[in-house]
Every structure is written in C-alpha cells, then in structure tokens.
Amino acid sequence: MSAYRRHHRFRRGFTLIELLVVIAIMTILIALLLPAVQQARETARRTQCQNNLKQIGLALHNYHDAHRVMPPGTTHDRWMGGSSFWSWMAFSLPLIERPALYDSLDFTTESWPAPNTANAKVLFTRVSVFECPSDPFLRFNATSGHAVTDYLGSAGSFGIGFAAPTVTDDESCKSQITRKQRGMFYGNSRIKLSQVVDGTSNTLFVGERPPSEDASWGRWSGPGATNWCPAGFADVVLTSNDFFGIGGLKPSGPSDPRPEHHWWSHHSGGAHFLLVDGSVRFLSYSMDHELLMALSTRQGSETVDEF
C-alpha cells in the first residue's frame, strides 16, 4: 500500500450517520443534565430566601431589644384617611444594614403619595433582603413604579383583609379591627415578646406572598405604604383568613383571580415562614388549615401539633 493511501485513510472523517449519533447522544445528555442544573439553582435560591427571612427575624428582634416592642405593622394617624404611612419594613431598615436609607426618610409625612423627594426616592429603591430570588418577576410595581416585596408580616388568623369594616367612624373602625388582631403586625401595633403567650416557636412572624405577575396590586419594599382601613389593601401585612374566607396557604397561578388574599410562593409545594423565635420553616400547601390558623395567632390558646 502506498504512503499516499495510508495517509488518506488516516484522515478519514465522520460519516453522516456517526455525526447524527453524536448529536443525539449530546442532546440526551443535555436533557438529563438540565433538570439537575435547574434543581440545583432553585435549591440555592430557596436557601437565599431562608437567609432573607432569618435576616429579617434578626432585625426585628434587634428592634425589640432597642425599643422593647416590635415595630408597628403600619402607622396611621387617620384611621379612615386616604393617605398611607409607614410599614414594619421601613422601621427595620437600619437593622438590615440600610441606615442611610432609613435616615433619609421623613416619618412625619405620608409615605405615599410621597410629599417630599426623600420619601419618593426610597419608594423607588429596591431592598434585596425583601425580595425572594425565586420570584421571576422581581421588578418595580407595574402600576406605581414602586419597588415590591415578597414577604408580608403576619397579622393573625382573621381580621384585616380586603373588605372594609362594618362601621364608618374612626374610633369604631379602630376598635373593631384592633380587637380581631391576634397576630404580630397590624395598624399601629406595638407587640412585646411577652405577649406571645402561645410560644415564639408556635407563632408566625413573616411569610411569603409575592406580587402577582402583573404586580397590579400595590406592595412596596423599604417603606411599605399601606392603607388597609377602610379600603382594605393589605400591602405589608396579611391575615391567614380574610373577610371573604378565601385566604390560607395555597398555590397561585394564572387562573388565581385574587392572589393577594393568601400566602403562597414561587417555590414548589409551599412557602417559607419566619417564626417569632427566629427559625424559618417551609410549610406545605397540603398542611391542615386549622393548624395554619393556630400558628397565625400569638395568644389564641390553641393546641399546636407537630408541624
């Protein structure tokens, strides 16, 4: 055999069939590896979400150490007024390493509509610890341009929801809503740890409820503006049941007409919750609803089973 023919055989390339087989094998390998990669990324995002809640819990306990009470769910000076004031997240800013943002605020005026430049600027400032990394729609509120949050304070098992109270004057409104609040956050709340008689390991503190895909209902990060009395827009606090009886912990999606009524998350199977003792638990959508109600109160005297 000549040297030319030996050289020619050595340089023989892939046939079409061999090339197709290689492509098919690579496609199968990618198909097998992609779910594993996605799962690993979601695991990392869930871990970051847990860390966010732990940071929030540490900040809230540091606030309590300094002031002997927890921050208010929201502040109001006019119970039936149309202005929005400041949330528990706003008061937590210096304790989550955002002191400059906190110092720029004017707490003597409304948070929204912001009457001064400083307050308006903060409403447009995203705060990463208030955002779950699994939320694919992390952005500003589509309607207002305000930064959003994925975490709400627990206001109790039943009370403020998305319906107005049955009274029309300020004092009666305040009395009716305050009587029903057995959670950790609500309008002008000042809860002490000594008031958590059900036990700090059996009481919900903060939970997940992301914005809807269109973010059309208002929730802001940083100084979370809210005016839930009487309009009923619970922007930064949430009860586990509301006046419509459609609250709870359940998945949300495109067919959910009112995702703002219930706890949910972008994680599969349930949502993360911060307990008053500082621990973070992942609660399943399939959990017993009565257990969720019991965990939502700080002084309901319910018997809480293992969860």
Protein backbone atom coordinates (compact mmCIF):
# COMPACT_ATOMS: atom_id res chain seq x y z
CA MET A 1 0.00 0.00 0.00
CA SER A 2 1.41 3.35 -0.98
CA ALA A 3 2.20 6.11 1.51
CA TYR A 4 -0.47 8.28 -0.10
CA ARG A 5 -3.22 5.71 0.52
CA ARG A 6 -2.13 5.16 4.16
CA HIS A 7 -2.21 8.92 4.73
CA HIS A 8 -5.62 9.20 3.06
CA ARG A 9 -7.13 6.52 5.33
CA PHE A 10 -5.74 8.25 8.46
CA ARG A 11 -7.58 11.48 7.64
CA ARG A 12 -10.95 9.82 7.16
CA GLY A 13 -13.69 11.96 8.87
CA PHE A 14 -17.08 11.20 10.45
CA THR A 15 -19.83 9.78 8.30
CA LEU A 16 -23.24 11.45 8.39
CA ILE A 17 -24.66 8.62 10.48
CA GLU A 18 -21.85 8.88 13.03
CA LEU A 19 -22.35 12.64 13.29
CA LEU A 20 -26.09 12.20 13.89
CA VAL A 21 -25.41 9.62 16.60
CA VAL A 22 -23.02 12.02 18.38
CA ILE A 23 -25.57 14.85 18.21
CA ALA A 24 -28.28 12.53 19.56
CA ILE A 25 -26.08 11.47 22.49
CA MET A 26 -25.24 15.09 23.32
CA THR A 27 -28.93 16.04 23.18
CA ILE A 28 -29.83 13.23 25.58
CA LEU A 29 -27.05 14.24 27.99
CA ILE A 30 -28.16 17.87 27.97
CA ALA A 31 -31.77 16.80 28.54
CA LEU A 32 -30.66 14.73 31.53
CA LEU A 33 -28.38 17.40 32.99
CA LEU A 34 -30.63 20.46 32.54
CA PRO A 35 -33.23 19.48 35.19
CA ALA A 36 -30.42 18.74 37.63
CA VAL A 37 -28.86 22.15 36.99
CA GLN A 38 -32.23 23.87 37.37
CA GLN A 39 -32.91 21.99 40.59
CA ALA A 40 -29.52 22.98 41.97
CA ARG A 41 -30.18 26.62 41.14
CA GLU A 42 -33.61 26.52 42.79
CA THR A 43 -32.09 24.91 45.87
CA ALA A 44 -29.64 27.81 46.06
CA ARG A 45 -32.48 30.31 45.63
CA ARG A 46 -34.52 28.64 48.38
CA THR A 47 -31.52 28.81 50.69
CA GLN A 48 -31.16 32.52 49.95
CA CYS A 49 -34.88 33.02 50.62
CA GLN A 50 -34.46 31.34 54.01
CA ASN A 51 -31.47 33.56 54.74
CA ASN A 52 -33.51 36.66 53.84
CA LEU A 53 -36.15 35.69 56.39
CA LYS A 54 -33.52 34.94 59.02
CA GLN A 55 -32.02 38.41 58.47
CA ILE A 56 -35.47 39.94 58.80
CA GLY A 57 -36.04 37.98 62.02
CA LEU A 58 -32.73 39.13 63.47
CA ALA A 59 -33.55 42.73 62.58
CA LEU A 60 -36.97 42.52 64.22
CA HIS A 61 -35.50 41.06 67.42
CA ASN A 62 -32.83 43.76 67.48
CA TYR A 63 -35.59 46.34 67.10
CA HIS A 64 -37.38 44.77 70.06
CA ASP A 65 -34.19 44.84 72.14
CA ALA A 66 -33.83 48.56 71.45
CA HIS A 67 -37.48 49.62 71.79
CA ARG A 68 -38.99 46.88 73.97
CA VAL A 69 -41.69 46.35 71.32
CA MET A 70 -41.86 45.12 67.76
CA PRO A 71 -42.26 47.73 65.01
CA PRO A 72 -45.83 48.55 64.01
CA GLY A 73 -47.33 46.66 61.10
CA THR A 74 -48.18 50.06 59.67
CA THR A 75 -48.54 53.51 61.20
CA HIS A 76 -51.73 55.54 60.85
CA ASP A 77 -52.77 58.84 62.32
CA ARG A 78 -56.12 58.88 60.50
CA TRP A 79 -57.87 55.53 60.59
CA MET A 80 -60.35 56.49 57.91
CA GLY A 81 -57.99 58.76 55.97
CA GLY A 82 -56.79 58.30 52.44
CA SER A 83 -53.04 58.59 53.00
CA SER A 84 -50.54 55.80 53.56
CA PHE A 85 -47.87 55.87 56.21
CA TRP A 86 -45.01 53.56 57.19
CA SER A 87 -44.57 49.79 57.48
CA TRP A 88 -42.63 47.43 59.74
CA MET A 89 -40.13 47.09 56.89
CA ALA A 90 -39.38 50.81 56.94
CA PHE A 91 -38.61 50.69 60.66
CA SER A 92 -36.34 47.68 60.09
CA LEU A 93 -34.09 49.40 57.53
CA PRO A 94 -31.23 50.43 59.88
CA LEU A 95 -31.11 46.87 61.23
CA ILE A 96 -30.68 45.26 57.81
CA GLU A 97 -27.67 47.42 57.05
CA ARG A 98 -29.59 50.18 55.28
CA PRO A 99 -29.20 53.02 57.85
CA ALA A 100 -28.59 55.70 55.22
CA LEU A 101 -31.87 54.82 53.54
CA TYR A 102 -33.66 54.99 56.87
CA ASP A 103 -32.07 58.33 57.80
CA SER A 104 -33.26 59.86 54.52
CA LEU A 105 -36.93 59.31 55.39
CA ASP A 106 -39.33 61.84 56.81
CA PHE A 107 -41.59 59.77 59.07
CA THR A 108 -43.74 62.79 59.92
CA THR A 109 -45.32 62.76 56.46
CA GLU A 110 -47.04 60.21 54.28
CA SER A 111 -45.02 57.52 52.57
CA TRP A 112 -47.40 57.62 49.62
CA PRO A 113 -48.28 59.83 47.87
CA ALA A 114 -44.78 60.95 48.83
CA PRO A 115 -44.88 64.70 49.60
CA ASN A 116 -41.12 65.14 49.51
CA THR A 117 -38.23 64.00 47.35
CA ALA A 118 -36.55 61.86 50.03
CA ASN A 119 -39.58 59.69 50.63
CA ALA A 120 -40.29 59.36 46.94
CA LYS A 121 -36.72 58.22 46.29
CA VAL A 122 -36.93 55.44 48.88
CA LEU A 123 -40.17 54.14 47.41
CA PHE A 124 -38.23 53.53 44.19
CA THR A 125 -35.31 51.81 45.96
CA ARG A 126 -35.22 48.03 45.83
CA VAL A 127 -34.12 46.25 49.01
CA SER A 128 -32.72 42.80 48.25
CA VAL A 129 -33.49 41.27 51.64
CA PHE A 130 -37.20 41.90 50.98
CA GLU A 131 -37.09 40.01 47.66
CA CYS A 132 -37.22 36.23 47.18
CA PRO A 133 -34.68 35.24 44.48
CA SER A 134 -37.09 32.61 43.11
CA ASP A 135 -39.51 35.34 42.09
CA PRO A 136 -39.15 35.64 38.28
CA PHE A 137 -40.95 38.99 38.27
CA LEU A 138 -38.64 40.92 40.59
CA ARG A 139 -39.05 44.48 39.44
CA PHE A 140 -40.92 47.64 40.27
CA ASN A 141 -44.66 47.70 40.66
CA ALA A 142 -46.04 47.94 37.12
CA THR A 143 -48.67 50.49 38.13
CA SER A 144 -46.84 52.78 40.53
CA GLY A 145 -43.16 52.16 39.80
CA HIS A 146 -42.54 51.39 43.48
CA ALA A 147 -40.23 48.56 44.49
CA VAL A 148 -42.06 45.43 45.64
CA THR A 149 -41.55 42.86 48.39
CA ASP A 150 -42.13 39.11 48.58
CA TYR A 151 -42.58 38.99 52.37
CA LEU A 152 -45.51 40.17 54.49
CA GLY A 153 -45.97 40.39 58.24
CA SER A 154 -48.47 38.02 59.86
CA ALA A 155 -51.49 39.94 61.12
CA GLY A 156 -53.30 36.98 62.69
CA SER A 157 -55.79 34.30 61.79
CA PHE A 158 -58.68 36.57 60.84
CA GLY A 159 -59.28 40.28 60.60
CA ILE A 160 -57.98 42.85 58.19
CA GLY A 161 -58.43 41.57 54.71
CA PHE A 162 -59.64 43.08 51.52
CA ALA A 163 -63.04 44.26 52.71
CA ALA A 164 -63.97 47.31 54.72
CA PRO A 165 -65.09 47.05 58.35
CA THR A 166 -68.82 47.23 59.03
CA VAL A 167 -68.54 50.61 60.76
CA THR A 168 -67.88 54.04 59.34
CA ASP A 169 -66.34 56.20 62.09
CA ASP A 170 -62.68 56.32 63.07
CA GLU A 171 -62.85 55.09 66.66
CA SER A 172 -65.26 52.23 65.93
CA CYS A 173 -63.16 51.20 62.95
CA LYS A 174 -60.03 51.19 65.11
CA SER A 175 -61.77 49.24 67.86
CA GLN A 176 -63.28 46.62 65.56
CA ILE A 177 -60.04 45.88 63.73
CA THR A 178 -57.77 46.00 66.79
CA ARG A 179 -59.97 43.54 68.69
CA LYS A 180 -59.52 40.99 65.94
CA GLN A 181 -55.77 41.29 65.61
CA ARG A 182 -54.03 38.45 67.38
CA GLY A 183 -51.01 38.35 65.08
CA MET A 184 -47.68 40.14 65.26
CA PHE A 185 -48.36 43.07 62.92
CA TYR A 186 -51.32 45.33 62.23
CA GLY A 187 -52.15 49.03 62.18
CA ASN A 188 -50.29 50.89 64.97
CA SER A 189 -49.37 47.59 66.64
CA ARG A 190 -46.74 47.58 69.39
CA ILE A 191 -46.34 43.92 70.27
CA LYS A 192 -44.00 42.75 73.03
CA LEU A 193 -42.47 39.29 73.11
CA SER A 194 -44.15 38.79 76.47
CA GLN A 195 -47.49 39.00 74.62
CA VAL A 196 -46.65 35.93 72.52
CA VAL A 197 -48.29 33.60 75.02
CA ASP A 198 -48.76 30.76 72.51
CA GLY A 199 -44.96 30.42 72.31
CA THR A 200 -42.48 32.01 69.94
CA SER A 201 -41.88 28.66 68.19
CA ASN A 202 -45.61 28.32 67.50
CA THR A 203 -46.35 31.79 66.12
CA LEU A 204 -45.91 33.05 62.57
CA PHE A 205 -43.91 36.26 62.18
CA VAL A 206 -43.38 36.87 58.44
CA GLY A 207 -44.37 34.79 55.42
CA GLU A 208 -44.13 34.68 51.66
CA ARG A 209 -46.66 36.31 49.36
CA PRO A 210 -45.14 37.57 46.10
CA PRO A 211 -46.62 40.15 43.75
CA SER A 212 -48.87 38.84 41.01
CA GLU A 213 -47.37 38.58 37.55
CA ASP A 214 -48.69 42.00 36.57
CA ALA A 215 -47.92 43.49 40.02
CA SER A 216 -51.12 45.48 39.68
CA TRP A 217 -51.91 45.50 43.38
CA GLY A 218 -49.64 47.63 45.48
CA ARG A 219 -46.89 46.37 47.76
CA TRP A 220 -43.69 48.26 48.23
CA SER A 221 -40.29 47.34 49.65
CA GLY A 222 -38.43 49.57 52.05
CA PRO A 223 -41.16 51.79 53.48
CA GLY A 224 -44.10 49.62 52.52
CA ALA A 225 -47.01 52.01 52.14
CA THR A 226 -50.37 50.62 53.19
CA ASN A 227 -53.84 51.90 53.86
CA TRP A 228 -55.94 48.89 54.68
CA CYS A 229 -58.59 50.68 56.70
CA PRO A 230 -61.12 51.06 55.28
CA ALA A 231 -60.01 50.48 51.68
CA GLY A 232 -58.67 47.02 52.57
CA PHE A 233 -55.40 46.97 50.61
CA ALA A 234 -53.16 44.99 52.97
CA ASP A 235 -49.88 45.88 51.34
CA VAL A 236 -47.40 44.77 54.01
CA VAL A 237 -49.42 42.60 56.41
CA LEU A 238 -51.68 39.63 55.76
CA THR A 239 -54.13 37.56 57.79
CA SER A 240 -54.34 33.83 57.15
CA ASN A 241 -58.06 34.20 56.56
CA ASP A 242 -59.90 37.29 55.40
CA PHE A 243 -63.43 38.64 55.29
CA PHE A 244 -64.09 36.73 52.08
CA GLY A 245 -62.94 33.44 53.63
CA ILE A 246 -60.59 32.68 50.73
CA GLY A 247 -57.26 33.14 52.49
CA GLY A 248 -54.93 30.44 53.74
CA LEU A 249 -51.85 28.82 52.25
CA LYS A 250 -52.34 27.59 48.70
CA PRO A 251 -50.59 27.74 45.32
CA SER A 252 -51.20 30.60 42.93
CA GLY A 253 -51.06 30.85 39.17
CA PRO A 254 -52.58 32.48 36.09
CA SER A 255 -56.04 31.18 37.00
CA ASP A 256 -55.94 32.65 40.52
CA PRO A 257 -58.21 35.71 40.39
CA ARG A 258 -57.02 37.21 43.70
CA PRO A 259 -53.53 36.02 44.66
CA GLU A 260 -53.29 38.84 47.20
CA HIS A 261 -55.71 37.04 49.53
CA HIS A 262 -53.50 34.14 50.57
CA TRP A 263 -49.96 33.06 51.42
CA TRP A 264 -48.02 31.48 48.53
CA SER A 265 -44.60 31.46 46.91
CA HIS A 266 -42.70 30.76 43.71
CA HIS A 267 -41.21 27.66 45.32
CA SER A 268 -42.71 24.27 44.59
CA GLY A 269 -45.01 22.76 47.20
CA GLY A 270 -45.39 25.54 49.75
CA ALA A 271 -43.87 28.71 51.20
CA HIS A 272 -41.28 29.79 53.76
CA PHE A 273 -42.35 31.32 57.05
CA LEU A 274 -40.35 33.07 59.73
CA LEU A 275 -41.45 32.16 63.26
CA VAL A 276 -41.16 34.56 66.17
CA ASP A 277 -38.31 32.52 67.66
CA GLY A 278 -36.23 33.36 64.58
CA SER A 279 -36.44 29.95 62.91
CA VAL A 280 -37.59 29.51 59.31
CA ARG A 281 -39.95 26.70 58.33
CA PHE A 282 -41.21 25.59 54.94
CA LEU A 283 -44.96 24.97 55.23
CA SER A 284 -46.69 22.76 52.69
CA TYR A 285 -49.76 23.73 50.71
CA SER A 286 -51.28 20.49 51.96
CA MET A 287 -50.96 21.40 55.65
CA ASP A 288 -54.08 21.46 57.78
CA HIS A 289 -55.83 24.82 57.54
CA GLU A 290 -56.76 24.87 61.22
CA LEU A 291 -53.09 24.40 62.11
CA LEU A 292 -52.22 27.41 59.95
CA MET A 293 -54.87 29.42 61.78
CA ALA A 294 -53.45 28.38 65.15
CA LEU A 295 -49.92 29.33 64.12
CA SER A 296 -51.15 32.73 62.96
CA THR A 297 -52.16 33.88 66.44
CA ARG A 298 -49.87 34.89 69.27
CA GLN A 299 -52.45 34.44 72.06
CA GLY A 300 -55.14 32.15 70.70
CA SER A 301 -54.57 29.43 73.32
CA GLU A 302 -54.79 26.79 70.59
CA THR A 303 -53.10 23.42 70.85
CA VAL A 304 -50.48 23.22 68.12
CA ASP A 305 -49.40 19.76 66.99
CA GLU A 306 -46.05 18.99 65.38
CA PHE A 307 -45.64 20.70 62.03
